[in-house]
């Protein structure tokens, strides 16, 4: 991973820790995430799908609990 990708993941982890999960994936295009750059520009298409899939898995597990 490059520096931008690592920073994005760090922001993602911090966001989930603070908020429990990501209610709407649209948040990934807003601050603080866009301060690093667009998720589409930072990651390739496969990585974006994997990342969003993992985010949705976390949300589903929390909603079940």
N, C-alpha and C. Protein backbone atom coordinates (compact mmCIF):
# COMPACT_ATOMS: atom_id res chain seq x y z
N UNK A 1 0.84 -1.18 0.00
CA UNK A 1 0.00 0.00 0.00
C UNK A 1 0.88 1.24 0.00
N UNK A 2 0.37 2.28 -0.64
CA UNK A 2 1.12 3.53 -0.64
C UNK A 2 0.67 4.41 0.54
N UNK A 3 1.29 5.55 0.69
CA UNK A 3 1.03 6.44 1.83
C UNK A 3 -0.42 6.89 1.86
N UNK A 4 -0.98 7.26 0.72
CA UNK A 4 -2.37 7.72 0.67
C UNK A 4 -3.34 6.62 1.07
N UNK A 5 -3.09 5.41 0.60
CA UNK A 5 -3.94 4.29 0.95
C UNK A 5 -3.88 4.00 2.45
N UNK A 6 -2.69 4.02 3.01
CA UNK A 6 -2.54 3.78 4.44
C UNK A 6 -3.24 4.85 5.26
N UNK A 7 -3.12 6.10 4.85
CA UNK A 7 -3.78 7.20 5.56
C UNK A 7 -5.30 7.04 5.48
N UNK A 8 -5.81 6.66 4.31
CA UNK A 8 -7.25 6.46 4.14
C UNK A 8 -7.73 5.36 5.08
N UNK A 9 -7.01 4.25 5.13
CA UNK A 9 -7.38 3.13 6.01
C UNK A 9 -7.31 3.57 7.48
N UNK A 10 -6.30 4.35 7.82
CA UNK A 10 -6.20 4.86 9.19
C UNK A 10 -7.41 5.72 9.54
N UNK A 11 -7.81 6.59 8.62
CA UNK A 11 -9.00 7.42 8.85
C UNK A 11 -10.25 6.55 8.96
N UNK A 12 -10.32 5.51 8.16
CA UNK A 12 -11.46 4.60 8.18
C UNK A 12 -11.56 3.89 9.53
N UNK A 13 -10.46 3.38 10.01
CA UNK A 13 -10.44 2.72 11.32
C UNK A 13 -10.84 3.70 12.42
N UNK A 14 -10.27 4.89 12.40
CA UNK A 14 -10.61 5.91 13.40
C UNK A 14 -12.10 6.24 13.37
N UNK A 15 -12.66 6.35 12.16
CA UNK A 15 -14.08 6.67 12.01
C UNK A 15 -14.95 5.56 12.60
N UNK A 16 -14.61 4.32 12.28
CA UNK A 16 -15.40 3.19 12.78
C UNK A 16 -15.28 3.07 14.30
N UNK A 17 -14.09 3.29 14.83
CA UNK A 17 -13.91 3.25 16.29
C UNK A 17 -14.77 4.33 16.95
N UNK A 18 -14.79 5.51 16.39
CA UNK A 18 -15.53 6.63 16.97
C UNK A 18 -17.04 6.49 16.79
N UNK A 19 -17.48 5.90 15.66
CA UNK A 19 -18.90 5.88 15.32
C UNK A 19 -19.55 4.50 15.33
N UNK A 20 -18.76 3.46 15.49
CA UNK A 20 -19.30 2.11 15.53
C UNK A 20 -19.34 1.43 14.17
N UNK A 21 -19.75 2.14 13.15
CA UNK A 21 -19.79 1.63 11.79
C UNK A 21 -20.06 2.80 10.85
N UNK A 22 -20.07 2.51 9.58
CA UNK A 22 -20.38 3.53 8.58
C UNK A 22 -21.80 3.28 8.10
N UNK A 23 -22.68 4.19 8.42
CA UNK A 23 -24.10 4.05 8.07
C UNK A 23 -24.30 4.10 6.56
N UNK A 24 -23.62 5.02 5.91
CA UNK A 24 -23.79 5.23 4.47
C UNK A 24 -22.40 5.37 3.84
N UNK A 25 -22.13 4.59 2.82
CA UNK A 25 -20.81 4.62 2.19
C UNK A 25 -20.49 5.96 1.54
N UNK A 26 -21.48 6.80 1.37
CA UNK A 26 -21.26 8.14 0.83
C UNK A 26 -20.28 8.93 1.69
N UNK A 27 -20.23 8.59 2.97
CA UNK A 27 -19.31 9.26 3.90
C UNK A 27 -17.86 9.13 3.45
N UNK A 28 -17.56 8.09 2.69
CA UNK A 28 -16.19 7.87 2.21
C UNK A 28 -15.75 8.92 1.20
N UNK A 29 -16.70 9.73 0.70
CA UNK A 29 -16.36 10.79 -0.25
C UNK A 29 -16.33 12.16 0.42
N UNK A 30 -16.55 12.17 1.72
CA UNK A 30 -16.59 13.42 2.48
C UNK A 30 -15.36 13.53 3.38
N UNK A 31 -15.20 14.70 4.02
CA UNK A 31 -14.12 14.86 5.00
C UNK A 31 -14.39 13.94 6.18
N UNK A 32 -13.41 13.36 6.77
CA UNK A 32 -11.99 13.59 6.59
C UNK A 32 -11.38 12.78 5.45
N UNK A 33 -12.17 11.88 4.84
CA UNK A 33 -11.62 10.98 3.83
C UNK A 33 -11.14 11.70 2.58
N UNK A 34 -11.89 12.69 2.14
CA UNK A 34 -11.48 13.36 0.90
C UNK A 34 -10.23 14.21 1.08
N UNK A 35 -9.83 14.45 2.33
CA UNK A 35 -8.58 15.18 2.56
C UNK A 35 -7.39 14.39 2.04
N UNK A 36 -7.54 13.06 1.95
CA UNK A 36 -6.48 12.19 1.43
C UNK A 36 -6.61 12.08 -0.09
N UNK A 37 -7.83 12.17 -0.59
CA UNK A 37 -8.12 12.03 -2.01
C UNK A 37 -9.34 11.15 -2.21
N UNK A 38 -9.78 11.08 -3.41
CA UNK A 38 -10.95 10.26 -3.75
C UNK A 38 -10.62 8.78 -3.60
N UNK A 39 -11.54 8.04 -3.01
CA UNK A 39 -11.35 6.60 -2.85
C UNK A 39 -11.11 5.93 -4.20
N UNK A 40 -11.74 6.45 -5.24
CA UNK A 40 -11.59 5.91 -6.60
C UNK A 40 -10.20 6.18 -7.15
N UNK A 41 -9.62 7.31 -6.77
CA UNK A 41 -8.28 7.65 -7.25
C UNK A 41 -7.18 6.95 -6.44
N UNK A 42 -7.46 6.69 -5.18
CA UNK A 42 -6.45 6.10 -4.30
C UNK A 42 -6.33 4.59 -4.49
N UNK A 43 -7.48 3.93 -4.66
CA UNK A 43 -7.52 2.48 -4.78
C UNK A 43 -8.00 2.09 -6.18
N UNK A 44 -7.60 0.90 -6.64
CA UNK A 44 -8.13 0.42 -7.91
C UNK A 44 -9.54 -0.13 -7.68
N UNK A 45 -10.25 -0.43 -8.75
CA UNK A 45 -11.65 -0.84 -8.66
C UNK A 45 -11.84 -2.07 -7.78
N UNK A 46 -10.98 -3.06 -7.92
CA UNK A 46 -11.10 -4.27 -7.10
C UNK A 46 -10.91 -3.94 -5.62
N UNK A 47 -9.95 -3.10 -5.31
CA UNK A 47 -9.70 -2.72 -3.92
C UNK A 47 -10.88 -1.95 -3.34
N UNK A 48 -11.48 -1.07 -4.14
CA UNK A 48 -12.66 -0.32 -3.68
C UNK A 48 -13.78 -1.29 -3.34
N UNK A 49 -14.03 -2.25 -4.23
CA UNK A 49 -15.09 -3.23 -3.97
C UNK A 49 -14.81 -4.05 -2.72
N UNK A 50 -13.56 -4.45 -2.53
CA UNK A 50 -13.20 -5.21 -1.33
C UNK A 50 -13.37 -4.37 -0.07
N UNK A 51 -12.93 -3.13 -0.13
CA UNK A 51 -13.03 -2.24 1.03
C UNK A 51 -14.48 -1.97 1.40
N UNK A 52 -15.29 -1.66 0.41
CA UNK A 52 -16.72 -1.40 0.67
C UNK A 52 -17.39 -2.68 1.16
N UNK A 53 -17.00 -3.82 0.62
CA UNK A 53 -17.54 -5.09 1.10
C UNK A 53 -17.24 -5.34 2.56
N UNK A 54 -16.02 -5.05 2.97
CA UNK A 54 -15.63 -5.23 4.38
C UNK A 54 -16.40 -4.25 5.27
N UNK A 55 -16.56 -3.03 4.81
CA UNK A 55 -17.32 -2.03 5.57
C UNK A 55 -18.76 -2.52 5.75
N UNK A 56 -19.35 -3.04 4.70
CA UNK A 56 -20.73 -3.55 4.78
C UNK A 56 -20.82 -4.77 5.70
N UNK A 57 -19.79 -5.62 5.72
CA UNK A 57 -19.77 -6.76 6.63
C UNK A 57 -19.76 -6.29 8.08
N UNK A 58 -18.95 -5.29 8.38
CA UNK A 58 -18.89 -4.75 9.74
C UNK A 58 -20.26 -4.21 10.15
N UNK A 59 -20.86 -3.44 9.25
CA UNK A 59 -22.18 -2.87 9.53
C UNK A 59 -23.21 -3.96 9.78
N UNK A 60 -23.20 -5.00 8.96
CA UNK A 60 -24.18 -6.10 9.11
C UNK A 60 -23.99 -6.81 10.44
N UNK A 61 -22.76 -7.04 10.83
CA UNK A 61 -22.49 -7.72 12.10
C UNK A 61 -22.96 -6.89 13.28
N UNK A 62 -22.78 -5.59 13.20
CA UNK A 62 -23.20 -4.71 14.29
C UNK A 62 -24.72 -4.63 14.35
N UNK A 63 -25.37 -4.58 13.21
CA UNK A 63 -26.83 -4.50 13.18
C UNK A 63 -27.48 -5.77 13.73
N UNK A 64 -26.82 -6.92 13.57
CA UNK A 64 -27.33 -8.18 14.08
C UNK A 64 -27.21 -8.24 15.61
N UNK A 65 -26.13 -7.69 16.13
CA UNK A 65 -25.84 -7.77 17.57
C UNK A 65 -26.79 -6.98 18.41
